[in-house]
C-alpha atoms as a PDB file:
ATOM      1  CA  MET A   1       9.178  28.496  34.295  1.00  0.00           C
ATOM      2  CA  THR A   2      11.293  27.990  37.367  1.00  0.00           C
ATOM      3  CA  ALA A   3      13.791  30.245  39.098  1.00  0.00           C
ATOM      4  CA  THR A   4      16.619  28.437  37.304  1.00  0.00           C
ATOM      5  CA  ASP A   5      15.103  29.497  33.957  1.00  0.00           C
ATOM      6  CA  VAL A   6      15.199  33.205  34.774  1.00  0.00           C
ATOM      7  CA  PRO A   7      18.775  33.905  33.513  1.00  0.00           C
ATOM      8  CA  ASN A   8      17.931  32.232  30.189  1.00  0.00           C
ATOM      9  CA  VAL A   9      14.629  34.099  29.998  1.00  0.00           C
ATOM     10  CA  LEU A  10      16.494  37.374  30.545  1.00  0.00           C
ATOM     11  CA  ASP A  11      18.945  36.413  27.797  1.00  0.00           C
ATOM     12  CA  VAL A  12      15.916  36.256  25.480  1.00  0.00           C
ATOM     13  CA  GLN A  13      13.993  39.188  26.930  1.00  0.00           C
ATOM     14  CA  GLU A  14      16.761  41.783  27.038  1.00  0.00           C
ATOM     15  CA  PRO A  15      17.784  41.791  23.346  1.00  0.00           C
ATOM     16  CA  GLY A  16      14.138  41.747  22.263  1.00  0.00           C
ATOM     17  CA  ALA A  17      13.284  44.640  24.554  1.00  0.00           C
ATOM     18  CA  VAL A  18      16.340  46.637  23.504  1.00  0.00           C
ATOM     19  CA  ARG A  19      15.507  46.234  19.813  1.00  0.00           C
ATOM     20  CA  GLY A  20      11.721  46.180  19.919  1.00  0.00           C
ATOM     21  CA  LEU A  21      11.277  48.957  22.457  1.00  0.00           C
ATOM     22  CA  ALA A  22      14.128  51.283  21.420  1.00  0.00           C
ATOM     23  CA  GLU A  23      11.695  54.149  20.814  1.00  0.00           C
ATOM     24  CA  VAL A  24       9.924  53.498  24.122  1.00  0.00           C
ATOM     25  CA  PHE A  25      13.041  53.034  26.279  1.00  0.00           C
ATOM     26  CA  PRO A  26      16.012  54.820  24.622  1.00  0.00           C
ATOM     27  CA  GLN A  27      18.967  52.740  25.807  1.00  0.00           C
ATOM     28  CA  ASP A  28      21.287  55.683  26.348  1.00  0.00           C
ATOM     29  CA  ALA A  29      18.910  57.065  28.980  1.00  0.00           C
ATOM     30  CA  TYR A  30      16.956  53.969  30.092  1.00  0.00           C
ATOM     31  CA  PRO A  31      18.994  50.777  29.696  1.00  0.00           C
ATOM     32  CA  PHE A  32      17.236  47.448  30.173  1.00  0.00           C
ATOM     33  CA  PRO A  33      16.762  47.015  33.951  1.00  0.00           C
ATOM     34  CA  ARG A  34      18.020  43.426  34.058  1.00  0.00           C
ATOM     35  CA  VAL A  35      18.294  43.141  37.855  1.00  0.00           C
ATOM     36  CA  GLU A  36      14.829  44.594  38.450  1.00  0.00           C
ATOM     37  CA  VAL A  37      13.241  42.416  35.749  1.00  0.00           C
ATOM     38  CA  ALA A  38      14.944  39.318  37.182  1.00  0.00           C
ATOM     39  CA  GLN A  39      13.616  40.154  40.639  1.00  0.00           C
ATOM     40  CA  ARG A  40      10.137  40.654  39.208  1.00  0.00           C
ATOM     41  CA  TRP A  41      10.252  37.254  37.450  1.00  0.00           C
ATOM     42  CA  LEU A  42      11.383  35.552  40.663  1.00  0.00           C
ATOM     43  CA  ARG A  43       8.513  37.156  42.605  1.00  0.00           C
ATOM     44  CA  GLU A  44       5.956  36.334  39.925  1.00  0.00           C
ATOM     45  CA  ILE A  45       7.011  32.677  39.714  1.00  0.00           C
ATOM     46  CA  GLU A  46       6.056  32.367  43.385  1.00  0.00           C
ATOM     47  CA  VAL A  47       2.634  34.040  43.055  1.00  0.00           C
ATOM     48  CA  PRO A  48      -0.086  31.365  42.879  1.00  0.00           C
ATOM     49  CA  ASP A  49      -2.290  33.461  40.565  1.00  0.00           C
ATOM     50  CA  ILE A  50       0.468  33.980  37.970  1.00  0.00           C
ATOM     51  CA  ASP A  51       1.550  31.183  35.633  1.00  0.00           C
ATOM     52  CA  CYS A  52       4.946  31.722  34.017  1.00  0.00           C
ATOM     53  CA  TYR A  53       6.092  29.690  31.006  1.00  0.00           C
ATOM     54  CA  VAL A  54       9.151  29.228  28.861  1.00  0.00           C
ATOM     55  CA  VAL A  55       9.013  28.554  25.132  1.00  0.00           C
ATOM     56  CA  LEU A  56      11.544  25.869  24.247  1.00  0.00           C
ATOM     57  CA  VAL A  57      13.179  25.094  20.916  1.00  0.00           C
ATOM     58  CA  ASP A  58      15.574  22.144  20.981  1.00  0.00           C
ATOM     59  CA  ASP A  59      15.534  22.301  24.803  1.00  0.00           C
ATOM     60  CA  ALA A  60      16.734  25.934  24.794  1.00  0.00           C
ATOM     61  CA  VAL A  61      14.692  28.892  26.003  1.00  0.00           C
ATOM     62  CA  ALA A  62      13.416  30.742  22.928  1.00  0.00           C
ATOM     63  CA  GLY A  63      10.655  32.737  24.581  1.00  0.00           C
ATOM     64  CA  PHE A  64       8.537  33.366  27.634  1.00  0.00           C
ATOM     65  CA  ALA A  65       4.954  34.037  28.606  1.00  0.00           C
ATOM     66  CA  ALA A  66       2.910  34.619  31.724  1.00  0.00           C
ATOM     67  CA  ILE A  67      -0.793  34.752  32.427  1.00  0.00           C
ATOM     68  CA  ARG A  68      -2.644  36.164  35.412  1.00  0.00           C
ATOM     69  CA  GLY A  69      -6.314  35.213  35.414  1.00  0.00           C
ATOM     70  CA  ASP A  70      -7.739  36.650  32.207  1.00  0.00           C
ATOM     71  CA  GLU A  71      -4.641  38.787  31.540  1.00  0.00           C
ATOM     72  CA  PHE A  72      -2.067  37.789  28.911  1.00  0.00           C
ATOM     73  CA  PHE A  73       0.560  39.229  31.212  1.00  0.00           C
ATOM     74  CA  HIS A  74       4.038  38.852  29.615  1.00  0.00           C
ATOM     75  CA  PHE A  75       5.159  37.584  26.236  1.00  0.00           C
ATOM     76  CA  GLY A  76       8.331  37.573  24.180  1.00  0.00           C
ATOM     77  CA  ILE A  77      10.277  35.517  21.652  1.00  0.00           C
ATOM     78  CA  ALA A  78      14.038  35.476  21.014  1.00  0.00           C
ATOM     79  CA  LEU A  79      15.228  37.778  18.237  1.00  0.00           C
ATOM     80  CA  GLY A  80      16.547  34.824  16.246  1.00  0.00           C
ATOM     81  CA  HIS A  81      13.001  33.471  16.012  1.00  0.00           C
ATOM     82  CA  TRP A  82      11.263  36.704  14.990  1.00  0.00           C
ATOM     83  CA  GLY A  83       9.377  36.129  11.751  1.00  0.00           C
ATOM     84  CA  THR A  84       9.497  32.321  11.957  1.00  0.00           C
ATOM     85  CA  GLY A  85       5.966  31.718  13.239  1.00  0.00           C
ATOM     86  CA  LEU A  86       7.163  30.690  16.696  1.00  0.00           C
ATOM     87  CA  ALA A  87       5.546  33.728  18.302  1.00  0.00           C
ATOM     88  CA  GLN A  88       2.137  32.906  16.837  1.00  0.00           C
ATOM     89  CA  THR A  89       2.467  29.257  17.865  1.00  0.00           C
ATOM     90  CA  ALA A  90       3.411  30.242  21.425  1.00  0.00           C
ATOM     91  CA  HIS A  91       0.659  32.884  21.524  1.00  0.00           C
ATOM     92  CA  ASP A  92      -1.938  30.311  20.471  1.00  0.00           C
ATOM     93  CA  ALA A  93      -0.687  27.847  23.097  1.00  0.00           C
ATOM     94  CA  VAL A  94      -1.103  30.495  25.796  1.00  0.00           C
ATOM     95  CA  LEU A  95      -4.637  31.240  24.621  1.00  0.00           C
ATOM     96  CA  ASP A  96      -5.382  27.507  24.629  1.00  0.00           C
ATOM     97  CA  ARG A  97      -4.186  27.342  28.232  1.00  0.00           C
ATOM     98  CA  MET A  98      -6.360  30.296  29.162  1.00  0.00           C
ATOM     99  CA  GLN A  99      -9.372  28.747  27.435  1.00  0.00           C
ATOM    100  CA  SER A 100      -8.814  25.451  29.273  1.00  0.00           C
ATOM    101  CA  ARG A 101      -9.116  27.457  32.506  1.00  0.00           C
ATOM    102  CA  GLY A 102     -12.446  28.939  31.513  1.00  0.00           C
ATOM    103  CA  VAL A 103     -11.285  32.345  30.313  1.00  0.00           C
ATOM    104  CA  GLN A 104     -13.599  33.592  27.580  1.00  0.00           C
ATOM    105  CA  ARG A 105     -12.183  37.063  27.004  1.00  0.00           C
ATOM    106  CA  ALA A 106      -8.559  38.017  27.588  1.00  0.00           C
ATOM    107  CA  TRP A 107      -6.771  41.309  27.855  1.00  0.00           C
ATOM    108  CA  LEU A 108      -3.212  42.581  27.686  1.00  0.00           C
ATOM    109  CA  ARG A 109      -1.299  45.812  27.700  1.00  0.00           C
ATOM    110  CA  VAL A 110       1.267  46.832  25.106  1.00  0.00           C
ATOM    111  CA  PHE A 111       3.369  49.966  24.923  1.00  0.00           C
ATOM    112  CA  THR A 112       1.676  52.555  22.747  1.00  0.00           C
ATOM    113  CA  GLY A 113       5.012  53.145  20.992  1.00  0.00           C
ATOM    114  CA  ASN A 114       5.627  49.432  20.335  1.00  0.00           C
ATOM    115  CA  ARG A 115       4.541  49.387  16.697  1.00  0.00           C
ATOM    116  CA  ARG A 116       5.772  45.851  16.023  1.00  0.00           C
ATOM    117  CA  GLY A 117       4.033  44.458  19.108  1.00  0.00           C
ATOM    118  CA  ARG A 118       0.785  46.261  18.342  1.00  0.00           C
ATOM    119  CA  TRP A 119       0.850  44.989  14.746  1.00  0.00           C
ATOM    120  CA  PHE A 120       1.462  41.421  15.975  1.00  0.00           C
ATOM    121  CA  TYR A 121      -1.451  41.467  18.418  1.00  0.00           C
ATOM    122  CA  GLU A 122      -3.815  43.167  15.982  1.00  0.00           C
ATOM    123  CA  LYS A 123      -2.943  40.576  13.322  1.00  0.00           C
ATOM    124  CA  LEU A 124      -3.985  37.882  15.825  1.00  0.00           C
ATOM    125  CA  GLY A 125      -7.364  39.422  16.577  1.00  0.00           C
ATOM    126  CA  TRP A 126      -6.639  41.687  19.542  1.00  0.00           C
ATOM    127  CA  HIS A 127      -8.423  45.055  19.555  1.00  0.00           C
ATOM    128  CA  PRO A 128      -7.413  48.218  21.425  1.00  0.00           C
ATOM    129  CA  THR A 129      -9.997  49.328  23.955  1.00  0.00           C
ATOM    130  CA  GLY A 130      -8.714  52.869  24.373  1.00  0.00           C
ATOM    131  CA  ALA A 131      -7.921  52.310  28.061  1.00  0.00           C
ATOM    132  CA  ARG A 132      -4.435  53.513  28.925  1.00  0.00           C
ATOM    133  CA  THR A 133      -2.026  53.113  31.842  1.00  0.00           C
ATOM    134  CA  HIS A 134       1.688  53.705  32.374  1.00  0.00           C
ATOM    135  CA  SER A 135       4.662  51.431  32.949  1.00  0.00           C
ATOM    136  CA  THR A 136       6.213  51.088  36.374  1.00  0.00           C
ATOM    137  CA  PHE A 137       9.667  51.496  34.751  1.00  0.00           C
ATOM    138  CA  PRO A 138      11.088  54.952  33.920  1.00  0.00           C
ATOM    139  CA  PRO A 139      10.349  56.929  31.819  1.00  0.00           C
ATOM    140  CA  TYR A 140       6.879  55.480  32.591  1.00  0.00           C
ATOM    141  CA  PRO A 141       5.677  55.156  28.992  1.00  0.00           C
ATOM    142  CA  GLU A 142       2.041  54.708  28.123  1.00  0.00           C
ATOM    143  CA  LEU A 143       0.479  51.271  27.676  1.00  0.00           C
ATOM    144  CA  VAL A 144      -2.732  50.642  25.758  1.00  0.00           C
ATOM    145  CA  ARG A 145      -5.137  47.852  26.668  1.00  0.00           C
ATOM    146  CA  TYR A 146      -6.152  45.243  24.092  1.00  0.00           C
ATOM    147  CA  GLU A 147      -8.843  42.566  24.351  1.00  0.00           C
ATOM    148  CA  ARG A 148     -10.038  39.571  22.373  1.00  0.00           C
ATOM    149  CA  ALA A 149     -12.111  36.436  22.667  1.00  0.00           C
ATOM    150  CA  VAL A 150      -9.980  33.520  23.798  1.00  0.00           C
ATOM    151  CA  GLU A 151     -11.104  30.974  21.213  1.00  0.00           C
ATOM    152  CA  ARG A 152      -7.922  30.223  19.305  1.00  0.00           C
ATOM    153  CA  HIS A 153      -9.109  31.336  15.902  1.00  0.00           C
ATOM    154  CA  ALA A 154     -11.569  34.013  17.014  1.00  0.00           C
ATOM    155  CA  LYS A 155     -11.205  37.452  15.502  1.00  0.00           C
ATOM    156  CA  GLY A 156     -12.546  39.569  18.303  1.00  0.00           C
END
């Protein structure tokens, strides 16, 4: 991902967040913070320890991912590709990248109220650890930590 990709990434991220996180961030009270998220992406692209990626379909941005060490940091796929298998393919590619860098066990955080996201990760072998934190975005919802072995087809 480069800075020029950020508007296209936001065009993917915003609708997915609005739909997928409606119970976590009610849009009437907490609309998607597009400017703040764009600024965060621009900062993270410049951080040497964070690798940001775009998922392309026919040369168009259809998703995004980021890793930070052993953390599966950000991930999302365009609404039009939900249910097509693209998310699993992109997920596996990110794990492959992590494995190529020597990561043996990865972790991520997902909103406790993100039922679809939690189902997706659990289906792919991620397990909740019970550790919890909170988002930096109002209303500061709870995040739960998940972990899994990085081998592509591992189940834990």
